[in-house]
């Protein structure tokens, strides 16, 4: 299965989602993580992970840019059971190539008006991608949620109006995720925040359904 984790807006937990997904998939089979974001956050995480021998298994990680995400990514994918592409941060050839390569696209999105506006732009790109990749399965993941506010409920109402498939799992804004990424780990490996672990494992179970 080839997954693309995409958004044209930064700060939505895209790379955090991608590396957690890739690592959990690596527990099940040979997995490739493609960092297609110019910021190379996933590649940095992978480098930090290599420095710590306690974290295993790890996805094989490579950086691709632009059209290479589709052309080289398609060739590389043949050697793996699962592929996760971390793409975006803005509308780019790389993001569009990821959508053409993927079978499932995951859109992490925050609960703000800015996130809603960015989603409207992204959906235009997704619809163009579906002209060439008609089987693309799109799922929206609400991330960096502050459970003390009503923002999540308001965003869910907005997403329902867009006729999008929204995962029932919400991933909250938690220090555990930042600490895990900074150590080249995932929250399960640190084991300090059971709520974070429960959220990310619920996401994984749901995205595979």
N, C-alpha and C. Protein backbone atom coordinates (compact mmCIF):
# COMPACT_ATOMS: atom_id res chain seq x y z
N UNK A 1 0.84 -1.19 0.00
CA UNK A 1 0.00 0.00 0.00
C UNK A 1 0.89 1.25 0.00
N UNK A 2 0.52 2.22 -0.80
CA UNK A 2 1.26 3.48 -0.86
C UNK A 2 0.39 4.58 -0.26
N UNK A 3 0.91 5.22 0.77
CA UNK A 3 0.23 6.30 1.47
C UNK A 3 0.95 7.62 1.18
N UNK A 4 0.19 8.68 1.00
CA UNK A 4 0.76 10.02 0.92
C UNK A 4 0.15 10.86 2.04
N UNK A 5 0.99 11.50 2.82
CA UNK A 5 0.53 12.39 3.89
C UNK A 5 0.77 13.81 3.39
N UNK A 6 -0.31 14.53 3.12
CA UNK A 6 -0.18 15.78 2.37
C UNK A 6 -0.99 16.92 2.99
N UNK A 7 -0.50 18.11 2.80
CA UNK A 7 -1.25 19.33 3.06
C UNK A 7 -0.46 20.48 2.46
N UNK A 8 -1.15 21.51 2.00
CA UNK A 8 -0.46 22.69 1.49
C UNK A 8 -0.13 23.66 2.61
N UNK A 9 -0.62 23.37 3.81
CA UNK A 9 -0.38 24.23 4.97
C UNK A 9 0.60 23.53 5.91
N UNK A 10 1.58 24.27 6.42
CA UNK A 10 2.51 23.71 7.38
C UNK A 10 1.94 23.75 8.79
N UNK A 11 2.64 23.10 9.71
CA UNK A 11 2.26 23.15 11.11
C UNK A 11 1.06 22.34 11.49
N UNK A 12 0.71 21.33 10.67
CA UNK A 12 -0.47 20.53 10.95
C UNK A 12 -0.12 19.13 11.46
N UNK A 13 1.17 18.86 11.68
CA UNK A 13 1.57 17.55 12.15
C UNK A 13 1.75 16.54 11.04
N UNK A 14 2.04 17.04 9.83
CA UNK A 14 2.17 16.16 8.68
C UNK A 14 3.33 15.17 8.83
N UNK A 15 4.51 15.70 9.13
CA UNK A 15 5.68 14.81 9.26
C UNK A 15 5.54 13.90 10.48
N UNK A 16 4.97 14.41 11.56
CA UNK A 16 4.74 13.57 12.74
C UNK A 16 3.83 12.40 12.39
N UNK A 17 2.77 12.69 11.63
CA UNK A 17 1.86 11.63 11.20
C UNK A 17 2.58 10.64 10.30
N UNK A 18 3.38 11.14 9.36
CA UNK A 18 4.05 10.27 8.39
C UNK A 18 5.05 9.32 9.06
N UNK A 19 5.87 9.84 9.98
CA UNK A 19 6.88 8.97 10.57
C UNK A 19 6.26 7.96 11.53
N UNK A 20 5.19 8.35 12.22
CA UNK A 20 4.50 7.37 13.07
C UNK A 20 3.87 6.27 12.21
N UNK A 21 3.22 6.67 11.13
CA UNK A 21 2.59 5.68 10.24
C UNK A 21 3.65 4.74 9.66
N UNK A 22 4.75 5.31 9.17
CA UNK A 22 5.79 4.48 8.55
C UNK A 22 6.41 3.51 9.55
N UNK A 23 6.64 3.96 10.78
CA UNK A 23 7.25 3.09 11.78
C UNK A 23 6.30 1.97 12.20
N UNK A 24 5.03 2.29 12.36
CA UNK A 24 4.07 1.25 12.71
C UNK A 24 3.91 0.25 11.58
N UNK A 25 3.96 0.71 10.33
CA UNK A 25 3.91 -0.20 9.19
C UNK A 25 5.16 -1.07 9.13
N UNK A 26 6.31 -0.50 9.52
CA UNK A 26 7.56 -1.26 9.50
C UNK A 26 7.52 -2.43 10.47
N UNK A 27 6.66 -2.36 11.48
CA UNK A 27 6.50 -3.48 12.40
C UNK A 27 5.80 -4.66 11.73
N UNK A 28 5.08 -4.36 10.63
CA UNK A 28 4.31 -5.38 9.94
C UNK A 28 5.02 -5.91 8.70
N UNK A 29 5.91 -5.11 8.12
CA UNK A 29 6.58 -5.53 6.90
C UNK A 29 7.54 -4.45 6.42
N UNK A 30 8.25 -4.76 5.38
CA UNK A 30 9.27 -3.86 4.83
C UNK A 30 8.62 -2.56 4.34
N UNK A 31 9.07 -1.44 4.88
CA UNK A 31 8.40 -0.15 4.63
C UNK A 31 9.41 0.90 4.21
N UNK A 32 9.01 1.69 3.21
CA UNK A 32 9.81 2.80 2.70
C UNK A 32 9.15 4.11 3.10
N UNK A 33 9.94 5.03 3.64
CA UNK A 33 9.48 6.39 3.95
C UNK A 33 10.17 7.34 2.98
N UNK A 34 9.38 8.01 2.15
CA UNK A 34 9.91 8.99 1.21
C UNK A 34 9.67 10.38 1.76
N UNK A 35 10.74 11.12 1.98
CA UNK A 35 10.63 12.51 2.41
C UNK A 35 10.63 13.38 1.16
N UNK A 36 9.46 13.92 0.84
CA UNK A 36 9.33 14.77 -0.34
C UNK A 36 9.08 16.22 0.01
N UNK A 37 9.29 16.57 1.27
CA UNK A 37 9.08 17.94 1.74
C UNK A 37 10.43 18.65 1.75
N UNK A 38 10.54 19.83 1.13
CA UNK A 38 11.82 20.55 1.12
C UNK A 38 12.42 20.79 2.50
N UNK A 39 11.58 20.84 3.54
CA UNK A 39 12.10 21.03 4.90
C UNK A 39 12.80 19.78 5.43
N UNK A 40 12.54 18.65 4.81
CA UNK A 40 13.21 17.38 5.14
C UNK A 40 13.07 17.00 6.61
N UNK A 41 11.92 17.23 7.19
CA UNK A 41 11.71 16.90 8.61
C UNK A 41 11.77 15.40 8.85
N UNK A 42 11.17 14.62 7.95
CA UNK A 42 11.18 13.17 8.12
C UNK A 42 12.60 12.61 8.00
N UNK A 43 13.38 13.18 7.10
CA UNK A 43 14.77 12.73 6.95
C UNK A 43 15.59 13.06 8.20
N UNK A 44 15.34 14.22 8.80
CA UNK A 44 16.02 14.58 10.04
C UNK A 44 15.65 13.60 11.14
N UNK A 45 14.37 13.28 11.24
CA UNK A 45 13.91 12.29 12.23
C UNK A 45 14.62 10.96 12.01
N UNK A 46 14.74 10.53 10.76
CA UNK A 46 15.38 9.25 10.46
C UNK A 46 16.85 9.27 10.87
N UNK A 47 17.52 10.39 10.67
CA UNK A 47 18.93 10.51 11.08
C UNK A 47 19.06 10.41 12.59
N UNK A 48 18.17 11.08 13.31
CA UNK A 48 18.20 10.99 14.77
C UNK A 48 17.92 9.56 15.22
N UNK A 49 17.05 8.89 14.50
CA UNK A 49 16.70 7.51 14.86
C UNK A 49 17.90 6.58 14.66
N UNK A 50 18.65 6.80 13.61
CA UNK A 50 19.83 5.96 13.37
C UNK A 50 20.87 6.09 14.48
N UNK A 51 20.86 7.24 15.15
CA UNK A 51 21.82 7.47 16.24
C UNK A 51 21.45 6.73 17.51
N UNK A 52 20.24 6.18 17.57
CA UNK A 52 19.77 5.49 18.76
C UNK A 52 19.44 4.05 18.42
N UNK A 53 20.30 3.14 18.83
CA UNK A 53 20.15 1.73 18.46
C UNK A 53 18.97 1.06 19.16
N UNK A 54 18.35 1.74 20.12
CA UNK A 54 17.25 1.14 20.88
C UNK A 54 15.94 1.11 20.10
N UNK A 55 15.87 1.91 19.02
CA UNK A 55 14.61 2.03 18.29
C UNK A 55 14.64 1.13 17.05
N UNK A 56 13.74 0.16 17.04
CA UNK A 56 13.70 -0.81 15.96
C UNK A 56 12.31 -1.45 15.95
N UNK A 57 11.75 -1.73 14.76
CA UNK A 57 12.32 -1.56 13.43
C UNK A 57 12.21 -0.12 12.94
N UNK A 58 12.86 0.14 11.83
CA UNK A 58 12.81 1.46 11.22
C UNK A 58 12.44 1.35 9.75
N UNK A 59 11.67 2.30 9.25
CA UNK A 59 11.44 2.31 7.81
C UNK A 59 12.71 2.73 7.08
N UNK A 60 12.93 2.19 5.90
CA UNK A 60 13.99 2.70 5.04
C UNK A 60 13.59 4.09 4.58
N UNK A 61 14.49 5.05 4.70
CA UNK A 61 14.12 6.44 4.42
C UNK A 61 14.97 7.01 3.30
N UNK A 62 14.31 7.70 2.37
CA UNK A 62 15.02 8.37 1.28
C UNK A 62 14.36 9.71 0.99
N UNK A 63 15.10 10.60 0.38
CA UNK A 63 14.58 11.91 -0.02
C UNK A 63 14.41 11.95 -1.53
N UNK A 64 13.23 12.36 -1.98
CA UNK A 64 12.97 12.58 -3.39
C UNK A 64 12.28 13.92 -3.54
N UNK A 65 12.45 14.54 -4.70
CA UNK A 65 11.87 15.86 -4.93
C UNK A 65 11.17 15.90 -6.28
N UNK A 66 10.15 16.74 -6.36
CA UNK A 66 9.48 16.99 -7.63
C UNK A 66 8.92 15.74 -8.27
N UNK A 67 9.09 15.62 -9.57
CA UNK A 67 8.54 14.51 -10.33
C UNK A 67 9.17 13.17 -9.94
N UNK A 68 10.35 13.21 -9.32
CA UNK A 68 11.01 11.97 -8.90
C UNK A 68 10.19 11.22 -7.87
N UNK A 69 9.35 11.93 -7.13
CA UNK A 69 8.48 11.25 -6.15
C UNK A 69 7.60 10.24 -6.87
N UNK A 70 7.15 10.57 -8.06
CA UNK A 70 6.32 9.66 -8.85
C UNK A 70 7.16 8.66 -9.61
N UNK A 71 8.15 9.14 -10.38
CA UNK A 71 8.89 8.25 -11.26
C UNK A 71 9.79 7.29 -10.49
N UNK A 72 10.65 7.83 -9.64
CA UNK A 72 11.53 6.97 -8.85
C UNK A 72 10.77 6.27 -7.74
N UNK A 73 9.79 6.98 -7.18
CA UNK A 73 8.99 6.38 -6.12
C UNK A 73 8.26 5.13 -6.57
N UNK A 74 7.78 5.14 -7.80
CA UNK A 74 7.07 3.98 -8.33
C UNK A 74 8.02 2.79 -8.46
N UNK A 75 9.25 3.04 -8.90
CA UNK A 75 10.23 1.97 -9.03
C UNK A 75 10.65 1.43 -7.67
N UNK A 76 10.90 2.34 -6.73
CA UNK A 76 11.32 1.92 -5.39
C UNK A 76 10.22 1.15 -4.67
N UNK A 77 8.98 1.54 -4.89
CA UNK A 77 7.85 0.93 -4.18
C UNK A 77 7.75 -0.56 -4.45
N UNK A 78 8.25 -0.99 -5.60
CA UNK A 78 8.15 -2.40 -5.96
C UNK A 78 8.90 -3.30 -4.98
N UNK A 79 9.86 -2.75 -4.26
CA UNK A 79 10.64 -3.56 -3.33
C UNK A 79 10.16 -3.50 -1.90
N UNK A 80 8.99 -2.89 -1.66
CA UNK A 80 8.50 -2.71 -0.30
C UNK A 80 7.03 -3.11 -0.20
N UNK A 81 6.64 -3.56 0.99
CA UNK A 81 5.24 -3.89 1.22
C UNK A 81 4.40 -2.63 1.39
N UNK A 82 5.01 -1.61 2.01
CA UNK A 82 4.30 -0.36 2.24
C UNK A 82 5.23 0.82 1.97
N UNK A 83 4.65 1.92 1.50
CA UNK A 83 5.38 3.15 1.24
C UNK A 83 4.59 4.30 1.85
N UNK A 84 5.30 5.20 2.53
CA UNK A 84 4.68 6.42 3.06
C UNK A 84 5.44 7.61 2.49
N UNK A 85 4.71 8.54 1.87
CA UNK A 85 5.32 9.75 1.32
C UNK A 85 4.91 10.94 2.19
N UNK A 86 5.90 11.64 2.71
CA UNK A 86 5.66 12.89 3.44
C UNK A 86 5.86 14.02 2.44
N UNK A 87 4.76 14.63 2.00
CA UNK A 87 4.87 15.62 0.93
C UNK A 87 4.07 16.86 1.27
N UNK A 88 4.52 17.98 0.78
CA UNK A 88 3.71 19.18 0.89
C UNK A 88 4.31 20.26 1.74
N UNK A 89 3.44 20.96 2.44
CA UNK A 89 3.82 22.19 3.10
C UNK A 89 3.46 23.37 2.22
N UNK A 90 3.27 23.09 0.93
CA UNK A 90 2.82 24.07 -0.05
C UNK A 90 2.44 23.32 -1.32
N UNK A 91 1.71 23.98 -2.21
CA UNK A 91 1.40 23.38 -3.50
C UNK A 91 2.69 23.30 -4.31
N UNK A 92 3.03 22.11 -4.76
CA UNK A 92 4.28 21.92 -5.48
C UNK A 92 4.15 20.72 -6.40
N UNK A 93 5.13 20.57 -7.30
CA UNK A 93 5.17 19.40 -8.17
C UNK A 93 5.32 18.14 -7.32
N UNK A 94 6.08 18.25 -6.23
CA UNK A 94 6.26 17.11 -5.35
C UNK A 94 4.97 16.64 -4.72
N UNK A 95 4.18 17.57 -4.23
CA UNK A 95 2.89 17.21 -3.62
C UNK A 95 1.98 16.57 -4.65
N UNK A 96 1.92 17.16 -5.84
CA UNK A 96 1.05 16.61 -6.88
C UNK A 96 1.54 15.24 -7.33
N UNK A 97 2.85 15.06 -7.38
CA UNK A 97 3.41 13.75 -7.74
C UNK A 97 3.06 12.70 -6.69
N UNK A 98 3.08 13.09 -5.41
CA UNK A 98 2.73 12.17 -4.33
C UNK A 98 1.28 11.70 -4.46
N UNK A 99 0.41 12.61 -4.85
CA UNK A 99 -1.01 12.25 -5.02
C UNK A 99 -1.21 11.32 -6.21
N UNK A 100 -0.37 11.43 -7.22
CA UNK A 100 -0.46 10.52 -8.36
C UNK A 100 0.09 9.14 -8.03
N UNK A 101 1.07 9.09 -7.12
CA UNK A 101 1.69 7.82 -6.74
C UNK A 101 0.82 7.04 -5.76
N UNK A 102 0.13 7.74 -4.88
CA UNK A 102 -0.51 7.11 -3.71
C UNK A 102 -1.79 6.35 -4.05
N UNK A 103 -2.06 5.37 -3.20
CA UNK A 103 -3.36 4.71 -3.19
C UNK A 103 -4.26 5.31 -2.11
N UNK A 104 -3.64 5.72 -1.00
CA UNK A 104 -4.37 6.40 0.06
C UNK A 104 -3.69 7.72 0.38
N UNK A 105 -4.46 8.79 0.43
CA UNK A 105 -3.93 10.09 0.83
C UNK A 105 -4.52 10.45 2.18
N UNK A 106 -3.67 10.86 3.10
CA UNK A 106 -4.08 11.28 4.43
C UNK A 106 -3.81 12.77 4.55
N UNK A 107 -4.83 13.52 4.91
CA UNK A 107 -4.68 14.96 5.09
C UNK A 107 -4.79 15.29 6.57
N UNK A 108 -3.67 15.53 7.25
CA UNK A 108 -3.74 16.03 8.62
C UNK A 108 -4.18 17.49 8.58
N UNK A 109 -5.12 17.85 9.42
CA UNK A 109 -5.63 19.21 9.39
C UNK A 109 -5.92 19.69 10.81
N UNK A 110 -5.55 20.93 11.09
CA UNK A 110 -5.86 21.53 12.37
C UNK A 110 -7.29 22.05 12.40
N UNK A 111 -7.67 22.59 13.53
CA UNK A 111 -9.05 23.06 13.71
C UNK A 111 -9.10 24.57 13.77
N UNK A 112 -8.81 25.21 12.64
CA UNK A 112 -8.86 26.68 12.59
C UNK A 112 -9.39 27.13 11.24
N UNK A 113 -9.75 28.40 11.16
CA UNK A 113 -10.22 28.95 9.89
C UNK A 113 -9.14 28.90 8.81
N UNK A 114 -7.88 29.09 9.23
CA UNK A 114 -6.79 29.02 8.27
C UNK A 114 -6.66 27.61 7.69
N UNK A 115 -6.85 26.61 8.55
CA UNK A 115 -6.80 25.23 8.07
C UNK A 115 -7.93 24.96 7.09
N UNK A 116 -9.11 25.48 7.39
CA UNK A 116 -10.25 25.29 6.50
C UNK A 116 -9.99 25.92 5.14
N UNK A 117 -9.41 27.11 5.14
CA UNK A 117 -9.12 27.79 3.88
C UNK A 117 -8.09 27.01 3.07
N UNK A 118 -7.06 26.48 3.74
CA UNK A 118 -6.03 25.71 3.05
C UNK A 118 -6.61 24.42 2.48
N UNK A 119 -7.56 23.82 3.19
CA UNK A 119 -8.17 22.58 2.71
C UNK A 119 -8.93 22.82 1.41
N UNK A 120 -9.59 23.95 1.31
CA UNK A 120 -10.31 24.27 0.09
C UNK A 120 -9.37 24.30 -1.10
N UNK A 121 -8.20 24.89 -0.92
CA UNK A 121 -7.20 24.94 -1.99
C UNK A 121 -6.68 23.54 -2.30
N UNK A 122 -6.42 22.75 -1.25
CA UNK A 122 -5.88 21.41 -1.45
C UNK A 122 -6.86 20.52 -2.20
N UNK A 123 -8.13 20.65 -1.92
CA UNK A 123 -9.12 19.80 -2.58
C UNK A 123 -9.16 20.04 -4.09
N UNK A 124 -8.86 21.26 -4.52
CA UNK A 124 -8.76 21.53 -5.95
C UNK A 124 -7.64 20.71 -6.57
N UNK A 125 -6.50 20.62 -5.84
CA UNK A 125 -5.36 19.84 -6.31
C UNK A 125 -5.70 18.35 -6.31
N UNK A 126 -6.41 17.90 -5.27
CA UNK A 126 -6.79 16.49 -5.17
C UNK A 126 -7.69 16.09 -6.33
N UNK A 127 -8.64 16.93 -6.66
CA UNK A 127 -9.56 16.61 -7.76
C UNK A 127 -8.83 16.53 -9.08
N UNK A 128 -7.83 17.37 -9.29
CA UNK A 128 -7.01 17.28 -10.49
C UNK A 128 -6.24 15.96 -10.51
N UNK A 129 -5.72 15.56 -9.35
CA UNK A 129 -4.98 14.30 -9.26
C UNK A 129 -5.88 13.11 -9.57
N UNK A 130 -7.12 13.19 -9.17
CA UNK A 130 -8.05 12.08 -9.40
C UNK A 130 -8.40 11.91 -10.87
N UNK A 131 -8.15 12.92 -11.68
CA UNK A 131 -8.34 12.77 -13.13
C UNK A 131 -7.37 11.74 -13.69
N UNK A 132 -6.22 11.57 -13.02
CA UNK A 132 -5.19 10.63 -13.47
C UNK A 132 -5.02 9.45 -12.52
N UNK A 133 -5.53 9.58 -11.32
CA UNK A 133 -5.43 8.53 -10.29
C UNK A 133 -6.81 8.36 -9.68
N UNK A 134 -7.69 7.75 -10.44
CA UNK A 134 -9.11 7.70 -10.08
C UNK A 134 -9.37 6.90 -8.81
N UNK A 135 -8.46 6.00 -8.44
CA UNK A 135 -8.66 5.13 -7.28
C UNK A 135 -8.14 5.74 -5.98
N UNK A 136 -7.67 6.98 -6.03
CA UNK A 136 -7.10 7.62 -4.84
C UNK A 136 -8.14 7.69 -3.73
N UNK A 137 -7.80 7.11 -2.59
CA UNK A 137 -8.68 7.07 -1.41
C UNK A 137 -8.22 8.16 -0.45
N UNK A 138 -9.09 9.10 -0.16
CA UNK A 138 -8.73 10.27 0.64
C UNK A 138 -9.34 10.19 2.04
N UNK A 139 -8.51 10.42 3.06
CA UNK A 139 -8.98 10.44 4.44
C UNK A 139 -8.44 11.70 5.13
N UNK A 140 -9.28 12.32 5.95
CA UNK A 140 -8.88 13.52 6.69
C UNK A 140 -8.68 13.16 8.15
N UNK A 141 -7.57 13.62 8.71
CA UNK A 141 -7.24 13.37 10.12
C UNK A 141 -7.14 14.69 10.86
N UNK A 142 -7.97 14.87 11.85
CA UNK A 142 -7.93 16.08 12.66
C UNK A 142 -6.77 15.97 13.65
N UNK A 143 -5.84 16.93 13.58
CA UNK A 143 -4.61 16.85 14.37
C UNK A 143 -4.40 18.13 15.19
N UNK A 144 -3.47 18.00 16.13
CA UNK A 144 -3.07 19.10 17.00
C UNK A 144 -4.30 19.75 17.65
N UNK A 145 -5.25 18.91 18.04
CA UNK A 145 -6.51 19.36 18.64
C UNK A 145 -6.29 19.80 20.08
N UNK A 146 -6.88 20.92 20.44
CA UNK A 146 -6.91 21.36 21.84
C UNK A 146 -8.26 20.93 22.41
N UNK A 147 -8.28 19.89 23.26
CA UNK A 147 -9.56 19.36 23.76
C UNK A 147 -10.32 20.34 24.65
N UNK A 148 -9.69 21.45 25.04
CA UNK A 148 -10.36 22.43 25.90
C UNK A 148 -11.27 23.36 25.13
N UNK A 149 -11.22 23.32 23.80
CA UNK A 149 -11.99 24.24 22.98
C UNK A 149 -13.04 23.49 22.17
N UNK A 150 -13.91 24.26 21.52
CA UNK A 150 -14.94 23.71 20.65
C UNK A 150 -14.50 23.70 19.18
N UNK A 151 -13.24 24.04 18.95
CA UNK A 151 -12.75 24.16 17.58
C UNK A 151 -12.88 22.86 16.80
N UNK A 152 -12.62 21.74 17.46
CA UNK A 152 -12.68 20.45 16.76
C UNK A 152 -14.09 20.16 16.26
N UNK A 153 -15.09 20.42 17.09
CA UNK A 153 -16.48 20.17 16.69
C UNK A 153 -16.87 21.06 15.52
N UNK A 154 -16.42 22.31 15.56
CA UNK A 154 -16.73 23.23 14.46
C UNK A 154 -16.06 22.79 13.17
N UNK A 155 -14.82 22.31 13.26
CA UNK A 155 -14.13 21.83 12.07
C UNK A 155 -14.80 20.57 11.54
N UNK A 156 -15.25 19.69 12.43
CA UNK A 156 -15.93 18.48 11.99
C UNK A 156 -17.20 18.83 11.21
N UNK A 157 -17.90 19.85 11.63
CA UNK A 157 -19.10 20.29 10.92
C UNK A 157 -18.74 20.79 9.53
N UNK A 158 -17.65 21.57 9.45
CA UNK A 158 -17.19 22.08 8.16
C UNK A 158 -16.80 20.93 7.24
N UNK A 159 -16.07 19.94 7.77
CA UNK A 159 -15.62 18.82 6.96
C UNK A 159 -16.79 17.98 6.47
N UNK A 160 -17.81 17.84 7.31
CA UNK A 160 -19.00 17.09 6.91
C UNK A 160 -19.69 17.76 5.71
N UNK A 161 -19.66 19.07 5.70
CA UNK A 161 -20.26 19.81 4.58
C UNK A 161 -19.49 19.61 3.28
N UNK A 162 -18.22 19.25 3.39
CA UNK A 162 -17.38 19.04 2.20
C UNK A 162 -17.49 17.62 1.65
N UNK A 163 -18.30 16.79 2.30
CA UNK A 163 -18.49 15.39 1.88
C UNK A 163 -17.17 14.62 1.84
N UNK A 164 -16.33 14.85 2.85
CA UNK A 164 -15.05 14.18 2.94
C UNK A 164 -15.13 13.03 3.93
N UNK A 165 -14.29 12.03 3.72
CA UNK A 165 -14.18 10.92 4.68
C UNK A 165 -13.25 11.37 5.78
N UNK A 166 -13.80 11.55 6.97
CA UNK A 166 -13.03 12.06 8.12
C UNK A 166 -12.86 10.92 9.12
N UNK A 167 -11.61 10.69 9.51
CA UNK A 167 -11.35 9.65 10.51
C UNK A 167 -11.96 10.05 11.85
N UNK A 168 -12.50 9.08 12.55
CA UNK A 168 -13.11 9.39 13.85
C UNK A 168 -12.04 9.68 14.91
N UNK A 169 -10.82 9.20 14.68
CA UNK A 169 -9.71 9.48 15.59
C UNK A 169 -9.27 10.93 15.47
N UNK A 170 -9.06 11.58 16.62
CA UNK A 170 -8.47 12.91 16.67
C UNK A 170 -7.14 12.80 17.41
N UNK A 171 -6.13 13.46 16.87
CA UNK A 171 -4.82 13.47 17.52
C UNK A 171 -4.63 14.83 18.17
N UNK A 172 -4.44 14.85 19.47
CA UNK A 172 -4.37 16.10 20.22
C UNK A 172 -2.96 16.70 20.19
N UNK A 173 -2.90 17.97 20.53
CA UNK A 173 -1.61 18.66 20.69
C UNK A 173 -1.00 18.17 22.00
N UNK A 174 0.10 17.41 21.90
CA UNK A 174 0.71 16.82 23.08
C UNK A 174 2.23 16.96 23.01
N UNK A 175 2.83 17.26 24.15
CA UNK A 175 4.28 17.39 24.23
C UNK A 175 4.95 16.08 23.83
N UNK A 176 4.30 14.96 24.10
CA UNK A 176 4.89 13.65 23.82
C UNK A 176 5.27 13.49 22.36
N UNK A 177 4.47 14.04 21.47
CA UNK A 177 4.78 13.91 20.04
C UNK A 177 6.04 14.69 19.69
N UNK A 178 6.18 15.90 20.21
CA UNK A 178 7.38 16.69 19.92
C UNK A 178 8.62 16.03 20.49
N UNK A 179 8.52 15.48 21.69
CA UNK A 179 9.67 14.83 22.30
C UNK A 179 10.07 13.58 21.52
N UNK A 180 9.08 12.82 21.09
CA UNK A 180 9.38 11.60 20.34
C UNK A 180 10.09 11.93 19.03
N UNK A 181 9.57 12.90 18.30
CA UNK A 181 10.19 13.26 17.02
C UNK A 181 11.63 13.72 17.24
N UNK A 182 11.86 14.51 18.27
CA UNK A 182 13.20 15.02 18.54
C UNK A 182 14.21 13.96 18.91
N UNK A 183 13.72 12.78 19.30
CA UNK A 183 14.60 11.67 19.66
C UNK A 183 14.67 10.60 18.56
N UNK A 184 13.98 10.87 17.43
CA UNK A 184 13.96 9.86 16.38
C UNK A 184 13.10 8.67 16.74
N UNK A 185 12.10 8.91 17.56
CA UNK A 185 11.25 7.83 18.06
C UNK A 185 9.80 8.08 17.68
N UNK A 186 8.94 7.15 18.10
CA UNK A 186 7.50 7.38 18.08
C UNK A 186 7.02 7.28 19.53
N UNK A 187 5.82 7.77 19.79
CA UNK A 187 5.38 7.89 21.19
C UNK A 187 5.31 6.53 21.89
N UNK A 188 5.03 5.47 21.14
CA UNK A 188 4.98 4.14 21.77
C UNK A 188 6.34 3.76 22.34
N UNK A 189 7.40 4.16 21.66
CA UNK A 189 8.75 3.78 22.10
C UNK A 189 9.18 4.55 23.34
N UNK A 190 8.69 5.77 23.49
CA UNK A 190 8.99 6.51 24.73
C UNK A 190 8.13 6.03 25.88
N UNK A 191 6.87 5.71 25.57
CA UNK A 191 5.99 5.10 26.55
C UNK A 191 5.57 5.99 27.71
N UNK A 192 5.67 7.31 27.53
CA UNK A 192 5.40 8.21 28.65
C UNK A 192 3.99 8.78 28.67
N UNK A 193 3.32 8.79 27.55
CA UNK A 193 2.01 9.43 27.46
C UNK A 193 1.03 8.42 26.87
N UNK A 194 0.27 7.78 27.73
CA UNK A 194 -0.65 6.74 27.28
C UNK A 194 -1.76 7.29 26.39
N UNK A 195 -2.16 8.54 26.63
CA UNK A 195 -3.20 9.13 25.79
C UNK A 195 -2.69 9.32 24.36
N UNK A 196 -1.45 9.80 24.21
CA UNK A 196 -0.86 9.96 22.88
C UNK A 196 -0.73 8.62 22.18
N UNK A 197 -0.30 7.61 22.92
CA UNK A 197 -0.16 6.27 22.35
C UNK A 197 -1.51 5.76 21.87
N UNK A 198 -2.54 5.94 22.68
CA UNK A 198 -3.87 5.46 22.32
C UNK A 198 -4.38 6.16 21.07
N UNK A 199 -4.13 7.46 20.96
CA UNK A 199 -4.59 8.21 19.80
C UNK A 199 -3.91 7.75 18.52
N UNK A 200 -2.59 7.60 18.55
CA UNK A 200 -1.87 7.26 17.32
C UNK A 200 -2.14 5.82 16.91
N UNK A 201 -2.36 4.94 17.89
CA UNK A 201 -2.68 3.56 17.55
C UNK A 201 -4.11 3.44 17.01
N UNK A 202 -5.01 4.28 17.51
CA UNK A 202 -6.37 4.30 16.97
C UNK A 202 -6.37 4.79 15.53
N UNK A 203 -5.55 5.82 15.27
CA UNK A 203 -5.39 6.31 13.90
C UNK A 203 -4.89 5.20 12.98
N UNK A 204 -3.87 4.47 13.43
CA UNK A 204 -3.29 3.40 12.61
C UNK A 204 -4.30 2.32 12.31
N UNK A 205 -5.05 1.92 13.31
CA UNK A 205 -6.06 0.88 13.11
C UNK A 205 -7.13 1.36 12.12
N UNK A 206 -7.51 2.61 12.24
CA UNK A 206 -8.58 3.13 11.40
C UNK A 206 -8.11 3.32 9.96
N UNK A 207 -6.88 3.76 9.76
CA UNK A 207 -6.41 4.03 8.40
C UNK A 207 -6.22 2.74 7.62
N UNK A 208 -6.05 1.64 8.32
CA UNK A 208 -5.88 0.36 7.64
C UNK A 208 -7.22 -0.33 7.33
N UNK A 209 -8.29 0.18 7.88
CA UNK A 209 -9.60 -0.45 7.68
C UNK A 209 -10.08 -0.28 6.24
